[in-house]
Amino acid sequence: MARLSFNCTNNIAEYEAFALGIQAAIDFKVKLLKVYGDSALVIHQLRGEWETRDHKLVPYQAYIRKLIEFFDVISFHHIPREENQMADALATLASMFQLTLHGDLPYIEFRCRAKPTHCCVIKKEQDVKPWYFDIKRYIVDKEYPQEASHNDKRTLRRLAADFFLSGNILYKRNHDMVLLRCVDAREVEQMLVEVHEGSFGTMPMDMPWP
């Protein structure tokens, strides 16, 4: 990333970015280079397809022409801005951080999480009781766990309002007012086996809420 510490137009900033990128490729002794950018103006001007009329851009174009001589093959390609998100993100970071005299930036690490963080602390049921035992007992008997605090009781009442008991089967209402059947760990394992065997579908999972 680089930050321009002088006033300039958007087109000059685009040319600066192209020049800095090409210079970096020269430093790495690259000989075959494809240059991508989302500025149609700069791309077409560097290809020689459009005339450069802005006198402020003429020196930039001449400078990049000299840099081109360092490559055996170089080509310029235009891409839509939505396909150039990484460059835009880096430019945004460069404009946001306060740089030191050495141009140092804090190390940034990106991680992709496939599951919500709270899934990492969910433990397998240790006893015979399913995860919804307290909710179901409250709906049937209006009983709380013995160790429940005042806040725990209030939370349990709020949770129970989203559940519906039909016979001995507990359902949870989602945002679309569809009832989703609650299952315990044993039933989950059975369903996974049936899915892999291709026999899943005999057990109703949800039902519309009238």
N, C-alpha and C. Protein backbone atom coordinates (compact mmCIF):
# COMPACT_ATOMS: atom_id res chain seq x y z
N MET A 1 0.85 -1.19 0.00
CA MET A 1 0.00 0.00 0.00
C MET A 1 0.88 1.24 0.00
N ALA A 2 0.33 2.31 -0.52
CA ALA A 2 1.05 3.59 -0.51
C ALA A 2 0.05 4.71 -0.31
N ARG A 3 0.47 5.72 0.41
CA ARG A 3 -0.36 6.90 0.62
C ARG A 3 0.26 8.08 -0.09
N LEU A 4 -0.57 8.83 -0.84
CA LEU A 4 -0.10 10.02 -1.52
C LEU A 4 -0.23 11.20 -0.56
N SER A 5 0.88 11.80 -0.23
CA SER A 5 0.89 12.89 0.75
C SER A 5 0.91 14.24 0.06
N PHE A 6 0.24 14.33 -1.07
CA PHE A 6 0.13 15.61 -1.78
C PHE A 6 -1.23 15.66 -2.44
N ASN A 7 -1.68 16.85 -2.71
CA ASN A 7 -2.99 17.03 -3.34
C ASN A 7 -2.93 16.65 -4.81
N CYS A 8 -3.95 15.93 -5.27
CA CYS A 8 -3.98 15.53 -6.67
C CYS A 8 -5.40 15.15 -7.05
N THR A 9 -5.63 15.03 -8.35
CA THR A 9 -6.94 14.63 -8.84
C THR A 9 -7.06 13.10 -8.76
N ASN A 10 -8.28 12.61 -8.97
CA ASN A 10 -8.50 11.16 -8.96
C ASN A 10 -7.71 10.47 -10.07
N ASN A 11 -7.64 11.09 -11.24
CA ASN A 11 -6.92 10.48 -12.35
C ASN A 11 -5.42 10.42 -12.07
N ILE A 12 -4.89 11.46 -11.43
CA ILE A 12 -3.47 11.43 -11.05
C ILE A 12 -3.23 10.31 -10.05
N ALA A 13 -4.15 10.15 -9.09
CA ALA A 13 -4.01 9.07 -8.11
C ALA A 13 -4.00 7.71 -8.80
N GLU A 14 -4.84 7.57 -9.84
CA GLU A 14 -4.86 6.30 -10.59
C GLU A 14 -3.51 6.07 -11.28
N TYR A 15 -2.97 7.10 -11.90
CA TYR A 15 -1.67 6.95 -12.57
C TYR A 15 -0.57 6.66 -11.55
N GLU A 16 -0.63 7.30 -10.39
CA GLU A 16 0.35 7.03 -9.34
C GLU A 16 0.30 5.54 -8.95
N ALA A 17 -0.91 5.01 -8.81
CA ALA A 17 -1.05 3.60 -8.43
C ALA A 17 -0.46 2.69 -9.49
N PHE A 18 -0.73 2.98 -10.76
CA PHE A 18 -0.17 2.17 -11.84
C PHE A 18 1.36 2.24 -11.83
N ALA A 19 1.89 3.45 -11.66
CA ALA A 19 3.35 3.61 -11.67
C ALA A 19 3.99 2.86 -10.51
N LEU A 20 3.43 2.97 -9.31
CA LEU A 20 3.99 2.29 -8.15
C LEU A 20 3.93 0.78 -8.32
N GLY A 21 2.82 0.27 -8.87
CA GLY A 21 2.72 -1.17 -9.08
C GLY A 21 3.71 -1.68 -10.10
N ILE A 22 3.88 -0.94 -11.18
CA ILE A 22 4.84 -1.35 -12.22
C ILE A 22 6.27 -1.27 -11.70
N GLN A 23 6.56 -0.26 -10.91
CA GLN A 23 7.89 -0.15 -10.31
C GLN A 23 8.18 -1.33 -9.39
N ALA A 24 7.17 -1.76 -8.63
CA ALA A 24 7.36 -2.93 -7.75
C ALA A 24 7.66 -4.17 -8.58
N ALA A 25 6.99 -4.32 -9.71
CA ALA A 25 7.26 -5.48 -10.57
C ALA A 25 8.68 -5.42 -11.13
N ILE A 26 9.15 -4.24 -11.45
CA ILE A 26 10.53 -4.08 -11.94
C ILE A 26 11.52 -4.47 -10.85
N ASP A 27 11.25 -4.05 -9.62
CA ASP A 27 12.14 -4.39 -8.50
C ASP A 27 12.24 -5.90 -8.30
N PHE A 28 11.16 -6.62 -8.59
CA PHE A 28 11.17 -8.08 -8.48
C PHE A 28 11.65 -8.75 -9.76
N LYS A 29 12.13 -7.95 -10.72
CA LYS A 29 12.69 -8.45 -11.97
C LYS A 29 11.67 -9.26 -12.77
N VAL A 30 10.43 -8.85 -12.72
CA VAL A 30 9.38 -9.48 -13.52
C VAL A 30 9.56 -9.06 -14.98
N LYS A 31 9.39 -10.01 -15.89
CA LYS A 31 9.55 -9.71 -17.31
C LYS A 31 8.24 -9.84 -18.09
N LEU A 32 7.32 -10.63 -17.59
CA LEU A 32 6.01 -10.78 -18.22
C LEU A 32 4.97 -10.27 -17.24
N LEU A 33 4.24 -9.22 -17.61
CA LEU A 33 3.36 -8.56 -16.65
C LEU A 33 2.00 -8.24 -17.26
N LYS A 34 0.96 -8.56 -16.51
CA LYS A 34 -0.40 -8.13 -16.84
C LYS A 34 -0.84 -7.13 -15.78
N VAL A 35 -1.23 -5.95 -16.22
CA VAL A 35 -1.64 -4.88 -15.31
C VAL A 35 -3.15 -4.76 -15.36
N TYR A 36 -3.79 -4.83 -14.19
CA TYR A 36 -5.25 -4.72 -14.11
C TYR A 36 -5.61 -3.45 -13.35
N GLY A 37 -6.65 -2.77 -13.81
CA GLY A 37 -7.11 -1.58 -13.12
C GLY A 37 -8.57 -1.32 -13.43
N ASP A 38 -9.24 -0.58 -12.52
CA ASP A 38 -10.65 -0.30 -12.73
C ASP A 38 -10.90 1.10 -13.30
N SER A 39 -9.83 1.79 -13.67
CA SER A 39 -9.96 3.09 -14.31
C SER A 39 -9.90 2.91 -15.82
N ALA A 40 -11.05 3.00 -16.48
CA ALA A 40 -11.10 2.82 -17.93
C ALA A 40 -10.26 3.88 -18.64
N LEU A 41 -10.27 5.11 -18.10
CA LEU A 41 -9.52 6.20 -18.71
C LEU A 41 -8.03 5.87 -18.78
N VAL A 42 -7.45 5.48 -17.65
CA VAL A 42 -6.02 5.21 -17.61
C VAL A 42 -5.66 4.01 -18.47
N ILE A 43 -6.47 2.96 -18.40
CA ILE A 43 -6.19 1.75 -19.17
C ILE A 43 -6.16 2.06 -20.67
N HIS A 44 -7.19 2.77 -21.15
CA HIS A 44 -7.26 3.07 -22.58
C HIS A 44 -6.16 4.03 -23.00
N GLN A 45 -5.79 4.96 -22.13
CA GLN A 45 -4.70 5.87 -22.47
C GLN A 45 -3.37 5.14 -22.54
N LEU A 46 -3.11 4.22 -21.60
CA LEU A 46 -1.85 3.48 -21.62
C LEU A 46 -1.79 2.50 -22.79
N ARG A 47 -2.94 2.06 -23.25
CA ARG A 47 -2.97 1.21 -24.45
C ARG A 47 -2.75 2.02 -25.72
N GLY A 48 -2.87 3.34 -25.59
CA GLY A 48 -2.76 4.19 -26.77
C GLY A 48 -4.05 4.32 -27.53
N GLU A 49 -5.15 3.87 -26.94
CA GLU A 49 -6.44 3.90 -27.62
C GLU A 49 -7.15 5.25 -27.44
N TRP A 50 -6.85 5.93 -26.34
CA TRP A 50 -7.45 7.24 -26.08
C TRP A 50 -6.33 8.29 -25.99
N GLU A 51 -6.63 9.48 -26.45
CA GLU A 51 -5.67 10.58 -26.39
C GLU A 51 -5.64 11.16 -24.98
N THR A 52 -4.44 11.51 -24.52
CA THR A 52 -4.26 12.12 -23.21
C THR A 52 -4.22 13.63 -23.37
N ARG A 53 -5.35 14.27 -23.04
CA ARG A 53 -5.46 15.71 -23.26
C ARG A 53 -5.14 16.52 -22.01
N ASP A 54 -5.31 15.92 -20.83
CA ASP A 54 -5.02 16.63 -19.59
C ASP A 54 -3.50 16.80 -19.46
N HIS A 55 -3.03 18.04 -19.44
CA HIS A 55 -1.59 18.27 -19.39
C HIS A 55 -0.96 17.73 -18.12
N LYS A 56 -1.77 17.55 -17.04
CA LYS A 56 -1.22 16.99 -15.80
C LYS A 56 -0.95 15.50 -15.92
N LEU A 57 -1.63 14.82 -16.85
CA LEU A 57 -1.47 13.37 -17.01
C LEU A 57 -0.40 13.00 -18.03
N VAL A 58 -0.06 13.93 -18.90
CA VAL A 58 0.91 13.65 -19.95
C VAL A 58 2.26 13.18 -19.38
N PRO A 59 2.81 13.85 -18.34
CA PRO A 59 4.08 13.36 -17.79
C PRO A 59 3.98 11.96 -17.21
N TYR A 60 2.83 11.64 -16.61
CA TYR A 60 2.65 10.29 -16.06
C TYR A 60 2.67 9.25 -17.17
N GLN A 61 1.95 9.54 -18.24
CA GLN A 61 1.91 8.58 -19.34
C GLN A 61 3.30 8.38 -19.93
N ALA A 62 4.06 9.47 -20.07
CA ALA A 62 5.42 9.36 -20.62
C ALA A 62 6.31 8.56 -19.68
N TYR A 63 6.15 8.77 -18.37
CA TYR A 63 6.96 8.04 -17.40
C TYR A 63 6.68 6.54 -17.43
N ILE A 64 5.39 6.18 -17.50
CA ILE A 64 5.04 4.76 -17.54
C ILE A 64 5.51 4.14 -18.85
N ARG A 65 5.52 4.92 -19.94
CA ARG A 65 6.04 4.41 -21.21
C ARG A 65 7.50 3.98 -21.07
N LYS A 66 8.26 4.76 -20.28
CA LYS A 66 9.66 4.39 -20.05
C LYS A 66 9.77 3.12 -19.20
N LEU A 67 8.88 2.99 -18.23
CA LEU A 67 8.90 1.79 -17.39
C LEU A 67 8.56 0.55 -18.18
N ILE A 68 7.72 0.69 -19.19
CA ILE A 68 7.30 -0.46 -20.00
C ILE A 68 8.50 -1.12 -20.68
N GLU A 69 9.54 -0.34 -20.94
CA GLU A 69 10.72 -0.87 -21.64
C GLU A 69 11.46 -1.93 -20.82
N PHE A 70 11.19 -2.00 -19.51
CA PHE A 70 11.85 -3.00 -18.67
C PHE A 70 11.25 -4.39 -18.83
N PHE A 71 10.15 -4.52 -19.55
CA PHE A 71 9.44 -5.79 -19.65
C PHE A 71 9.54 -6.35 -21.07
N ASP A 72 9.57 -7.67 -21.13
CA ASP A 72 9.51 -8.33 -22.44
C ASP A 72 8.08 -8.26 -22.98
N VAL A 73 7.12 -8.49 -22.10
CA VAL A 73 5.71 -8.41 -22.49
C VAL A 73 4.95 -7.74 -21.35
N ILE A 74 4.14 -6.75 -21.67
CA ILE A 74 3.29 -6.10 -20.68
C ILE A 74 1.96 -5.75 -21.34
N SER A 75 0.87 -5.96 -20.63
CA SER A 75 -0.46 -5.66 -21.18
C SER A 75 -1.31 -5.03 -20.09
N PHE A 76 -2.28 -4.24 -20.52
CA PHE A 76 -3.14 -3.51 -19.60
C PHE A 76 -4.59 -3.96 -19.79
N HIS A 77 -5.25 -4.27 -18.68
CA HIS A 77 -6.60 -4.84 -18.73
C HIS A 77 -7.52 -4.08 -17.79
N HIS A 78 -8.71 -3.77 -18.27
CA HIS A 78 -9.71 -3.08 -17.44
C HIS A 78 -10.63 -4.10 -16.78
N ILE A 79 -10.88 -3.93 -15.49
CA ILE A 79 -11.81 -4.78 -14.76
C ILE A 79 -12.82 -3.90 -14.05
N PRO A 80 -14.06 -4.38 -13.85
CA PRO A 80 -15.06 -3.58 -13.11
C PRO A 80 -14.60 -3.32 -11.68
N ARG A 81 -15.07 -2.24 -11.13
CA ARG A 81 -14.67 -1.87 -9.77
C ARG A 81 -15.06 -2.95 -8.76
N GLU A 82 -16.23 -3.61 -8.98
CA GLU A 82 -16.66 -4.63 -8.02
C GLU A 82 -15.76 -5.85 -8.03
N GLU A 83 -14.94 -6.01 -9.07
CA GLU A 83 -13.99 -7.11 -9.13
C GLU A 83 -12.61 -6.69 -8.64
N ASN A 84 -12.49 -5.46 -8.21
CA ASN A 84 -11.20 -4.93 -7.75
C ASN A 84 -11.28 -4.55 -6.27
N GLN A 85 -12.02 -5.36 -5.50
CA GLN A 85 -12.30 -5.02 -4.12
C GLN A 85 -11.05 -5.03 -3.25
N MET A 86 -10.13 -5.94 -3.51
CA MET A 86 -8.92 -6.01 -2.68
C MET A 86 -8.11 -4.73 -2.79
N ALA A 87 -7.95 -4.23 -4.02
CA ALA A 87 -7.19 -2.99 -4.20
C ALA A 87 -7.89 -1.82 -3.52
N ASP A 88 -9.22 -1.78 -3.62
CA ASP A 88 -9.97 -0.72 -2.96
C ASP A 88 -9.82 -0.80 -1.44
N ALA A 89 -9.85 -2.04 -0.92
CA ALA A 89 -9.71 -2.22 0.53
C ALA A 89 -8.34 -1.77 1.01
N LEU A 90 -7.30 -2.10 0.26
CA LEU A 90 -5.94 -1.68 0.64
C LEU A 90 -5.80 -0.17 0.56
N ALA A 91 -6.41 0.44 -0.46
CA ALA A 91 -6.35 1.90 -0.58
C ALA A 91 -7.06 2.56 0.59
N THR A 92 -8.18 1.97 1.01
CA THR A 92 -8.91 2.52 2.16
C THR A 92 -8.07 2.43 3.43
N LEU A 93 -7.41 1.28 3.62
CA LEU A 93 -6.55 1.12 4.80
C LEU A 93 -5.42 2.13 4.81
N ALA A 94 -4.82 2.33 3.64
CA ALA A 94 -3.70 3.26 3.56
C ALA A 94 -4.13 4.69 3.90
N SER A 95 -5.38 5.02 3.58
CA SER A 95 -5.86 6.37 3.85
C SER A 95 -6.30 6.55 5.30
N MET A 96 -6.59 5.45 6.00
CA MET A 96 -7.11 5.53 7.36
C MET A 96 -6.03 5.57 8.43
N PHE A 97 -4.94 4.81 8.23
CA PHE A 97 -3.92 4.68 9.26
C PHE A 97 -3.01 5.91 9.31
N GLN A 98 -2.57 6.22 10.52
CA GLN A 98 -1.55 7.25 10.70
C GLN A 98 -0.18 6.60 10.50
N LEU A 99 0.50 6.99 9.46
CA LEU A 99 1.78 6.38 9.14
C LEU A 99 2.92 6.99 9.95
N THR A 100 3.93 6.15 10.23
CA THR A 100 5.14 6.64 10.86
C THR A 100 6.09 7.14 9.78
N LEU A 101 7.23 7.65 10.22
CA LEU A 101 8.22 8.13 9.24
C LEU A 101 8.73 7.00 8.36
N HIS A 102 8.68 5.77 8.89
CA HIS A 102 9.17 4.62 8.13
C HIS A 102 8.05 3.95 7.33
N GLY A 103 6.85 4.49 7.43
CA GLY A 103 5.75 3.92 6.67
C GLY A 103 5.23 2.61 7.22
N ASP A 104 5.49 2.35 8.51
CA ASP A 104 5.08 1.07 9.08
C ASP A 104 3.57 1.06 9.35
N LEU A 105 2.96 -0.09 9.11
CA LEU A 105 1.55 -0.28 9.41
C LEU A 105 1.41 -1.48 10.34
N PRO A 106 0.41 -1.48 11.21
CA PRO A 106 0.20 -2.66 12.06
C PRO A 106 -0.15 -3.87 11.23
N TYR A 107 0.27 -5.03 11.72
CA TYR A 107 0.00 -6.29 11.01
C TYR A 107 -1.48 -6.60 11.08
N ILE A 108 -2.07 -6.91 9.93
CA ILE A 108 -3.50 -7.22 9.85
C ILE A 108 -3.67 -8.65 9.36
N GLU A 109 -4.44 -9.41 10.10
CA GLU A 109 -4.68 -10.81 9.74
C GLU A 109 -6.18 -11.03 9.54
N PHE A 110 -6.53 -11.69 8.44
CA PHE A 110 -7.91 -12.00 8.13
C PHE A 110 -8.15 -13.50 8.34
N ARG A 111 -9.25 -13.82 9.01
CA ARG A 111 -9.61 -15.22 9.24
C ARG A 111 -11.03 -15.47 8.77
N CYS A 112 -11.25 -16.63 8.23
CA CYS A 112 -12.59 -17.04 7.81
C CYS A 112 -13.13 -18.06 8.81
N ARG A 113 -14.30 -17.78 9.34
CA ARG A 113 -14.93 -18.67 10.32
C ARG A 113 -16.14 -19.33 9.67
N ALA A 114 -16.15 -20.65 9.67
CA ALA A 114 -17.25 -21.39 9.06
C ALA A 114 -18.41 -21.60 10.01
N LYS A 115 -18.17 -21.39 11.31
CA LYS A 115 -19.21 -21.60 12.30
C LYS A 115 -19.23 -20.43 13.28
N PRO A 116 -20.39 -20.16 13.89
CA PRO A 116 -20.43 -19.12 14.93
C PRO A 116 -19.50 -19.47 16.08
N THR A 117 -18.96 -18.44 16.72
CA THR A 117 -17.98 -18.68 17.78
C THR A 117 -18.57 -19.47 18.94
N HIS A 118 -19.87 -19.27 19.22
CA HIS A 118 -20.43 -19.96 20.38
C HIS A 118 -20.50 -21.46 20.18
N CYS A 119 -20.38 -21.94 18.91
CA CYS A 119 -20.39 -23.38 18.66
C CYS A 119 -19.16 -24.05 19.27
N CYS A 120 -18.09 -23.27 19.46
CA CYS A 120 -16.87 -23.85 19.99
C CYS A 120 -17.00 -24.22 21.46
N VAL A 121 -17.97 -23.66 22.15
CA VAL A 121 -18.11 -23.94 23.58
C VAL A 121 -19.30 -24.84 23.88
N ILE A 122 -20.01 -25.28 22.83
CA ILE A 122 -21.14 -26.19 23.05
C ILE A 122 -20.61 -27.58 23.35
N LYS A 123 -21.01 -28.15 24.45
CA LYS A 123 -20.56 -29.46 24.85
C LYS A 123 -21.66 -30.49 24.61
N LYS A 124 -21.24 -31.68 24.39
CA LYS A 124 -22.19 -32.76 24.20
C LYS A 124 -22.94 -33.01 25.50
N GLU A 125 -24.22 -33.35 25.38
CA GLU A 125 -25.04 -33.59 26.55
C GLU A 125 -24.41 -34.66 27.43
N GLN A 126 -24.17 -34.31 28.69
CA GLN A 126 -23.49 -35.22 29.61
C GLN A 126 -24.46 -36.18 30.29
N ASP A 127 -25.73 -35.79 30.39
CA ASP A 127 -26.69 -36.67 31.06
C ASP A 127 -27.78 -37.06 30.07
N VAL A 128 -28.79 -37.72 30.60
CA VAL A 128 -29.87 -38.20 29.76
C VAL A 128 -30.78 -37.07 29.32
N LYS A 129 -30.78 -35.97 30.04
CA LYS A 129 -31.70 -34.88 29.74
C LYS A 129 -31.29 -34.17 28.45
N PRO A 130 -32.23 -33.89 27.57
CA PRO A 130 -31.92 -33.14 26.34
C PRO A 130 -31.71 -31.67 26.65
N TRP A 131 -31.19 -30.93 25.68
CA TRP A 131 -30.89 -29.51 25.88
C TRP A 131 -32.13 -28.69 26.18
N TYR A 132 -33.29 -29.14 25.73
CA TYR A 132 -34.52 -28.37 25.92
C TYR A 132 -35.32 -28.84 27.14
N PHE A 133 -34.71 -29.63 28.02
CA PHE A 133 -35.43 -30.21 29.15
C PHE A 133 -36.08 -29.14 30.03
N ASP A 134 -35.31 -28.10 30.41
CA ASP A 134 -35.84 -27.06 31.30
C ASP A 134 -36.97 -26.29 30.64
N ILE A 135 -36.85 -26.05 29.34
CA ILE A 135 -37.90 -25.32 28.63
C ILE A 135 -39.18 -26.14 28.60
N LYS A 136 -39.03 -27.41 28.27
CA LYS A 136 -40.21 -28.28 28.18
C LYS A 136 -40.87 -28.44 29.55
N ARG A 137 -40.08 -28.58 30.61
CA ARG A 137 -40.64 -28.74 31.95
C ARG A 137 -41.37 -27.48 32.38
N TYR A 138 -40.85 -26.31 32.00
CA TYR A 138 -41.52 -25.07 32.37
C TYR A 138 -42.86 -24.95 31.65
N ILE A 139 -42.90 -25.34 30.36
CA ILE A 139 -44.15 -25.26 29.61
C ILE A 139 -45.20 -26.19 30.22
N VAL A 140 -44.78 -27.38 30.64
CA VAL A 140 -45.73 -28.37 31.15
C VAL A 140 -46.12 -28.06 32.60
N ASP A 141 -45.14 -27.84 33.46
CA ASP A 141 -45.40 -27.74 34.90
C ASP A 141 -45.11 -26.37 35.50
N LYS A 142 -44.60 -25.43 34.70
CA LYS A 142 -44.21 -24.11 35.20
C LYS A 142 -43.18 -24.22 36.33
N GLU A 143 -42.25 -25.17 36.19
CA GLU A 143 -41.20 -25.39 37.18
C GLU A 143 -39.87 -24.86 36.66
N TYR A 144 -39.07 -24.36 37.60
CA TYR A 144 -37.73 -23.87 37.28
C TYR A 144 -36.68 -24.85 37.81
N PRO A 145 -35.48 -24.85 37.25
CA PRO A 145 -34.38 -25.63 37.83
C PRO A 145 -34.10 -25.16 39.26
N GLN A 146 -33.67 -26.05 40.11
CA GLN A 146 -33.47 -25.72 41.52
C GLN A 146 -32.44 -24.62 41.71
N GLU A 147 -31.39 -24.62 40.89
CA GLU A 147 -30.32 -23.64 41.07
C GLU A 147 -30.56 -22.35 40.28
N ALA A 148 -31.73 -22.20 39.67
CA ALA A 148 -32.01 -21.05 38.81
C ALA A 148 -32.09 -19.76 39.63
N SER A 149 -31.42 -18.72 39.17
CA SER A 149 -31.49 -17.40 39.79
C SER A 149 -32.70 -16.65 39.25
N HIS A 150 -32.90 -15.43 39.77
CA HIS A 150 -34.01 -14.62 39.28
C HIS A 150 -33.86 -14.32 37.80
N ASN A 151 -32.64 -13.99 37.36
CA ASN A 151 -32.40 -13.71 35.95
C ASN A 151 -32.57 -14.97 35.11
N ASP A 152 -32.12 -16.12 35.63
CA ASP A 152 -32.29 -17.38 34.90
C ASP A 152 -33.77 -17.67 34.67
N LYS A 153 -34.58 -17.45 35.67
CA LYS A 153 -36.01 -17.70 35.54
C LYS A 153 -36.64 -16.78 34.50
N ARG A 154 -36.24 -15.53 34.55
CA ARG A 154 -36.78 -14.58 33.58
C ARG A 154 -36.36 -14.97 32.16
N THR A 155 -35.11 -15.40 31.99
CA THR A 155 -34.64 -15.84 30.68
C THR A 155 -35.40 -17.08 30.22
N LEU A 156 -35.65 -18.01 31.13
CA LEU A 156 -36.36 -19.22 30.78
C LEU A 156 -37.78 -18.90 30.33
N ARG A 157 -38.44 -17.98 31.00
CA ARG A 157 -39.80 -17.60 30.60
C ARG A 157 -39.79 -16.97 29.20
N ARG A 158 -38.79 -16.16 28.95
CA ARG A 158 -38.71 -15.52 27.64
C ARG A 158 -38.44 -16.55 26.54
N LEU A 159 -37.57 -17.50 26.81
CA LEU A 159 -37.29 -18.56 25.83
C LEU A 159 -38.51 -19.42 25.57
N ALA A 160 -39.21 -19.76 26.63
CA ALA A 160 -40.35 -20.67 26.51
C ALA A 160 -41.45 -20.08 25.64
N ALA A 161 -41.52 -18.75 25.55
CA ALA A 161 -42.56 -18.12 24.76
C ALA A 161 -42.44 -18.44 23.28
N ASP A 162 -41.26 -18.86 22.84
CA ASP A 162 -41.04 -19.16 21.42
C ASP A 162 -41.19 -20.66 21.12
N PHE A 163 -41.58 -21.44 22.12
CA PHE A 163 -41.71 -22.89 21.93
C PHE A 163 -43.18 -23.31 22.04
N PHE A 164 -43.48 -24.43 21.39
CA PHE A 164 -44.85 -24.95 21.38
C PHE A 164 -44.80 -26.45 21.59
N LEU A 165 -45.63 -26.94 22.49
CA LEU A 165 -45.65 -28.36 22.82
C LEU A 165 -46.89 -29.00 22.21
N SER A 166 -46.66 -30.02 21.40
CA SER A 166 -47.75 -30.79 20.79
C SER A 166 -47.61 -32.23 21.23
N GLY A 167 -48.48 -32.65 22.16
CA GLY A 167 -48.32 -33.97 22.73
C GLY A 167 -47.05 -34.00 23.56
N ASN A 168 -46.11 -34.84 23.16
CA ASN A 168 -44.83 -34.92 23.86
C ASN A 168 -43.70 -34.34 23.02
N ILE A 169 -44.05 -33.72 21.88
CA ILE A 169 -43.04 -33.20 20.97
C ILE A 169 -42.97 -31.69 21.11
N LEU A 170 -41.76 -31.17 21.26
CA LEU A 170 -41.54 -29.74 21.44
C LEU A 170 -41.11 -29.13 20.11
N TYR A 171 -41.73 -27.99 19.78
CA TYR A 171 -41.40 -27.26 18.56
C TYR A 171 -40.98 -25.83 18.93
N LYS A 172 -40.16 -25.24 18.05
CA LYS A 172 -39.75 -23.84 18.23
C LYS A 172 -40.24 -23.03 17.05
N ARG A 173 -40.80 -21.87 17.32
CA ARG A 173 -41.26 -20.99 16.26
C ARG A 173 -40.07 -20.18 15.73
N ASN A 174 -39.93 -20.12 14.40
CA ASN A 174 -38.91 -19.25 13.82
C ASN A 174 -39.54 -17.93 13.40
N HIS A 175 -38.79 -17.09 12.70
CA HIS A 175 -39.28 -15.77 12.34
C HIS A 175 -40.43 -15.84 11.34
N ASP A 176 -40.50 -16.92 10.57
CA ASP A 176 -41.58 -17.10 9.59
C ASP A 176 -42.78 -17.81 10.19
N MET A 177 -42.79 -17.93 11.51
CA MET A 177 -43.88 -18.60 12.23
C MET A 177 -44.03 -20.05 11.79
N VAL A 178 -42.91 -20.69 11.50
CA VAL A 178 -42.88 -22.12 11.21
C VAL A 178 -42.35 -22.84 12.44
N LEU A 179 -42.98 -23.95 12.81
CA LEU A 179 -42.56 -24.70 13.99
C LEU A 179 -41.49 -25.72 13.60
N LEU A 180 -40.35 -25.62 14.25
CA LEU A 180 -39.22 -26.52 14.00
C LEU A 180 -39.14 -27.52 15.14
N ARG A 181 -39.09 -28.78 14.82
CA ARG A 181 -39.08 -29.82 15.84
C ARG A 181 -37.75 -29.84 16.58
N CYS A 182 -37.80 -29.88 17.90
CA CYS A 182 -36.60 -29.95 18.73
C CYS A 182 -36.17 -31.40 18.88
N VAL A 183 -34.89 -31.64 18.69
CA VAL A 183 -34.36 -33.01 18.79
C VAL A 183 -33.18 -33.02 19.74
N ASP A 184 -32.94 -34.17 20.36
CA ASP A 184 -31.80 -34.31 21.25
C ASP A 184 -30.62 -34.90 20.50
N ALA A 185 -29.52 -35.13 21.23
CA ALA A 185 -28.29 -35.61 20.59
C ALA A 185 -28.48 -36.97 19.94
N ARG A 186 -29.24 -37.85 20.60
CA ARG A 186 -29.44 -39.19 20.03
C ARG A 186 -30.19 -39.12 18.70
N GLU A 187 -31.23 -38.28 18.65
CA GLU A 187 -31.99 -38.14 17.41
C GLU A 187 -31.15 -37.51 16.31
N VAL A 188 -30.28 -36.57 16.69
CA VAL A 188 -29.40 -35.95 15.69
C VAL A 188 -28.49 -36.98 15.06
N GLU A 189 -27.89 -37.82 15.88
CA GLU A 189 -27.00 -38.86 15.35
C GLU A 189 -27.77 -39.81 14.43
N GLN A 190 -29.01 -40.14 14.81
CA GLN A 190 -29.82 -41.02 13.98
C GLN A 190 -30.14 -40.37 12.63
N MET A 191 -30.46 -39.07 12.67
CA MET A 191 -30.76 -38.37 11.43
C MET A 191 -29.55 -38.29 10.50
N LEU A 192 -28.36 -38.07 11.10
CA LEU A 192 -27.15 -38.01 10.28
C LEU A 192 -26.89 -39.34 9.59
N VAL A 193 -27.12 -40.42 10.31
CA VAL A 193 -26.95 -41.75 9.70
C VAL A 193 -27.92 -41.94 8.56
N GLU A 194 -29.18 -41.53 8.78
CA GLU A 194 -30.20 -41.70 7.74
C GLU A 194 -29.90 -40.84 6.52
N VAL A 195 -29.35 -39.63 6.76
CA VAL A 195 -29.00 -38.77 5.63
C VAL A 195 -27.93 -39.41 4.78
N HIS A 196 -26.89 -39.96 5.43
CA HIS A 196 -25.80 -40.60 4.68
C HIS A 196 -26.27 -41.86 3.98
N GLU A 197 -27.25 -42.53 4.56
CA GLU A 197 -27.76 -43.76 3.94
C GLU A 197 -28.84 -43.47 2.91
N GLY A 198 -29.28 -42.24 2.84
CA GLY A 198 -30.28 -41.88 1.86
C GLY A 198 -31.69 -42.23 2.25
N SER A 199 -31.93 -42.53 3.53
CA SER A 199 -33.25 -42.94 3.97
C SER A 199 -33.94 -41.86 4.79
N PHE A 200 -33.35 -40.65 4.84
CA PHE A 200 -33.92 -39.59 5.65
C PHE A 200 -35.20 -39.06 5.00
N GLY A 201 -36.15 -38.68 5.81
CA GLY A 201 -37.38 -38.10 5.27
C GLY A 201 -38.61 -38.68 5.93
N THR A 202 -38.45 -39.72 6.75
CA THR A 202 -39.60 -40.33 7.40
C THR A 202 -39.99 -39.59 8.67
N MET A 203 -39.08 -38.73 9.19
CA MET A 203 -39.33 -38.03 10.44
C MET A 203 -39.67 -36.57 10.16
N PRO A 204 -40.89 -36.09 10.48
CA PRO A 204 -41.26 -34.72 10.21
C PRO A 204 -40.42 -33.76 11.03
N MET A 205 -39.88 -32.74 10.37
CA MET A 205 -39.00 -31.79 11.04
C MET A 205 -39.70 -30.48 11.38
N ASP A 206 -40.65 -30.06 10.55
CA ASP A 206 -41.30 -28.80 10.84
C ASP A 206 -42.75 -28.85 10.38
N MET A 207 -43.50 -27.91 10.86
CA MET A 207 -44.90 -27.84 10.48
C MET A 207 -45.32 -26.38 10.50
N PRO A 208 -46.22 -25.95 9.59
CA PRO A 208 -46.62 -24.54 9.57
C PRO A 208 -47.40 -24.15 10.81
N TRP A 209 -47.18 -22.92 11.24
CA TRP A 209 -47.90 -22.43 12.42
C TRP A 209 -49.16 -21.73 11.93
N PRO A 210 -50.34 -22.20 12.37
CA PRO A 210 -51.59 -21.63 11.87
C PRO A 210 -51.78 -20.19 12.35
